[in-house]
Amino acid sequence: MSASDFETRLKAALTPVDPPGDLEDRLEMTLGEIVELAADELDAWELNAFRDPRNWVRIARPAAAVVIGTGAAVGLVFLRTQRRRHRRRAQARGALDLVDRTLRDFGREALRVFDDVR
C-alpha cells in the first residue's frame, strides 16, 4: 500500500456524513417520551410507603426516574433552545444581548417542558 493510496482511503473514510433530516425531530420526540414516562413513574410513587425501612429497596425506581427524567428534560430544553440559535444570533445587538436572549429562550423552553409534563 503506497502513501497516496493510504491517504486516499483515509480521506474516503473521514468524509463528513450529514445526519438524517428527521434526526432532530426523532430525538425531540424520544426525549419527550422519556420525560413523560419518568413523570408517570414519579406520579405513581407513594411517599408515605417509604417510612417503613422494608420498602427502602423500592426507592431505586423513583430515584432512577428522577435522574433519567431530569436528564431527558434538560436534553429536550437544550435541543429546543439550540434550534433557534441562528434567529437569536441574527436579532442580537451584541454578545450580552445574545446571552440574554439565549437564557430567556432556555427558561421559556424549560417552562414549556415542565407544563407539558403536568
Protein backbone atom coordinates (compact mmCIF):
# COMPACT_ATOMS: atom_id res chain seq x y z
CA MET A 1 0.00 0.00 0.00
CA SER A 2 1.53 3.27 -1.10
CA ALA A 3 1.30 6.53 0.82
CA SER A 4 -1.05 8.10 -1.75
CA ASP A 5 -3.33 5.05 -1.66
CA PHE A 6 -3.38 5.20 2.13
CA GLU A 7 -4.17 8.92 2.00
CA THR A 8 -6.99 8.34 -0.50
CA ARG A 9 -8.52 5.64 1.68
CA LEU A 10 -8.17 7.80 4.78
CA LYS A 11 -9.89 10.74 3.07
CA ALA A 12 -12.72 8.47 1.95
CA ALA A 13 -13.15 7.08 5.47
CA LEU A 14 -13.14 10.51 7.12
CA THR A 15 -15.50 12.37 4.82
CA PRO A 16 -18.23 14.12 6.82
CA VAL A 17 -21.61 12.45 6.85
CA ASP A 18 -24.73 14.55 7.30
CA PRO A 19 -27.20 13.21 9.83
CA PRO A 20 -30.67 12.22 8.63
CA GLY A 21 -33.01 15.17 8.18
CA ASP A 22 -35.51 13.95 10.73
CA LEU A 23 -32.93 13.16 13.43
CA GLU A 24 -33.70 16.28 15.44
CA ASP A 25 -37.45 15.58 15.38
CA ARG A 26 -36.94 11.94 16.38
CA LEU A 27 -34.60 12.96 19.20
CA GLU A 28 -37.07 15.55 20.49
CA MET A 29 -39.91 13.01 20.38
CA THR A 30 -37.83 10.37 22.20
CA LEU A 31 -36.69 12.78 24.91
CA GLY A 32 -40.28 13.96 25.38
CA GLU A 33 -41.46 10.37 25.79
CA ILE A 34 -38.74 9.68 28.36
CA VAL A 35 -39.72 12.77 30.35
CA GLU A 36 -43.37 11.70 30.33
CA LEU A 37 -42.54 8.12 31.35
CA ALA A 38 -40.41 9.40 34.24
CA ALA A 39 -43.19 11.76 35.31
CA ASP A 40 -45.70 8.90 35.24
CA GLU A 41 -43.36 6.77 37.35
CA LEU A 42 -42.98 9.55 39.90
CA ASP A 43 -46.71 10.22 39.88
CA ALA A 44 -47.35 6.63 40.95
CA TRP A 45 -44.79 6.91 43.73
CA GLU A 46 -46.26 6.90 47.22
CA LEU A 47 -44.10 8.92 49.60
CA ASN A 48 -45.79 7.52 52.71
CA ALA A 49 -44.79 3.98 51.80
CA PHE A 50 -41.13 4.84 52.36
CA ARG A 51 -41.48 5.45 56.06
CA ASP A 52 -41.16 1.71 56.55
CA PRO A 53 -37.47 0.68 56.15
CA ARG A 54 -38.52 -2.57 54.47
CA ASN A 55 -39.71 -0.51 51.49
CA TRP A 56 -36.44 1.40 51.04
CA VAL A 57 -35.24 -1.05 48.42
CA ARG A 58 -38.08 0.11 46.18
CA ILE A 59 -36.66 3.65 46.12
CA ALA A 60 -34.41 2.72 43.19
CA ARG A 61 -37.19 3.05 40.60
CA PRO A 62 -38.31 6.56 41.60
CA ALA A 63 -34.68 7.66 42.01
CA ALA A 64 -33.89 6.36 38.52
CA ALA A 65 -37.00 8.10 37.19
CA VAL A 66 -35.81 11.40 38.69
CA VAL A 67 -32.31 11.09 37.25
CA ILE A 68 -33.38 9.86 33.82
CA GLY A 69 -36.34 12.22 33.56
CA THR A 70 -34.25 15.22 34.57
CA GLY A 71 -31.55 14.32 32.07
CA ALA A 72 -34.08 13.89 29.29
CA ALA A 73 -35.82 17.15 30.17
CA VAL A 74 -32.54 19.08 30.16
CA GLY A 75 -31.62 17.50 26.82
CA LEU A 76 -35.01 18.42 25.40
CA VAL A 77 -34.64 22.03 26.57
CA PHE A 78 -31.12 22.25 25.08
CA LEU A 79 -32.34 20.77 21.80
CA ARG A 80 -35.23 23.21 21.51
CA THR A 81 -33.04 26.16 22.51
CA GLN A 82 -30.35 25.15 20.02
CA ARG A 83 -32.92 25.03 17.22
CA ARG A 84 -33.44 28.80 17.34
CA ARG A 85 -29.78 29.82 17.67
CA HIS A 86 -29.48 31.31 14.17
CA ARG A 87 -32.50 33.57 14.61
CA ARG A 88 -31.27 34.73 18.02
CA ARG A 89 -27.82 35.44 16.65
CA ALA A 90 -29.29 37.48 13.78
CA GLN A 91 -31.51 39.51 16.12
CA ALA A 92 -28.89 40.11 18.83
CA ARG A 93 -27.29 43.53 19.13
CA GLY A 94 -24.14 42.24 20.79
CA ALA A 95 -22.71 39.45 22.86
CA LEU A 96 -24.59 40.36 26.05
CA ASP A 97 -27.86 40.66 24.17
CA LEU A 98 -27.25 37.23 22.63
CA VAL A 99 -26.60 35.72 26.07
CA ASP A 100 -29.74 37.38 27.41
CA ARG A 101 -31.86 36.11 24.52
CA THR A 102 -30.42 32.61 24.87
CA LEU A 103 -31.13 32.49 28.61
CA ARG A 104 -34.68 33.75 28.07
CA ASP A 105 -35.25 31.07 25.39
CA PHE A 106 -33.80 28.44 27.70
CA GLY A 107 -36.12 29.49 30.54
CA ARG A 108 -39.14 29.60 28.24
CA GLU A 109 -38.40 26.11 26.91
CA ALA A 110 -37.86 24.78 30.45
CA LEU A 111 -41.30 26.10 31.42
CA ARG A 112 -42.82 24.50 28.30
CA VAL A 113 -41.33 21.11 29.16
CA PHE A 114 -42.48 21.47 32.77
CA ASP A 115 -46.01 22.42 31.66
CA ASP A 116 -46.13 19.53 29.17
CA VAL A 117 -45.35 17.05 31.95
CA ARG A 118 -48.09 18.31 34.26
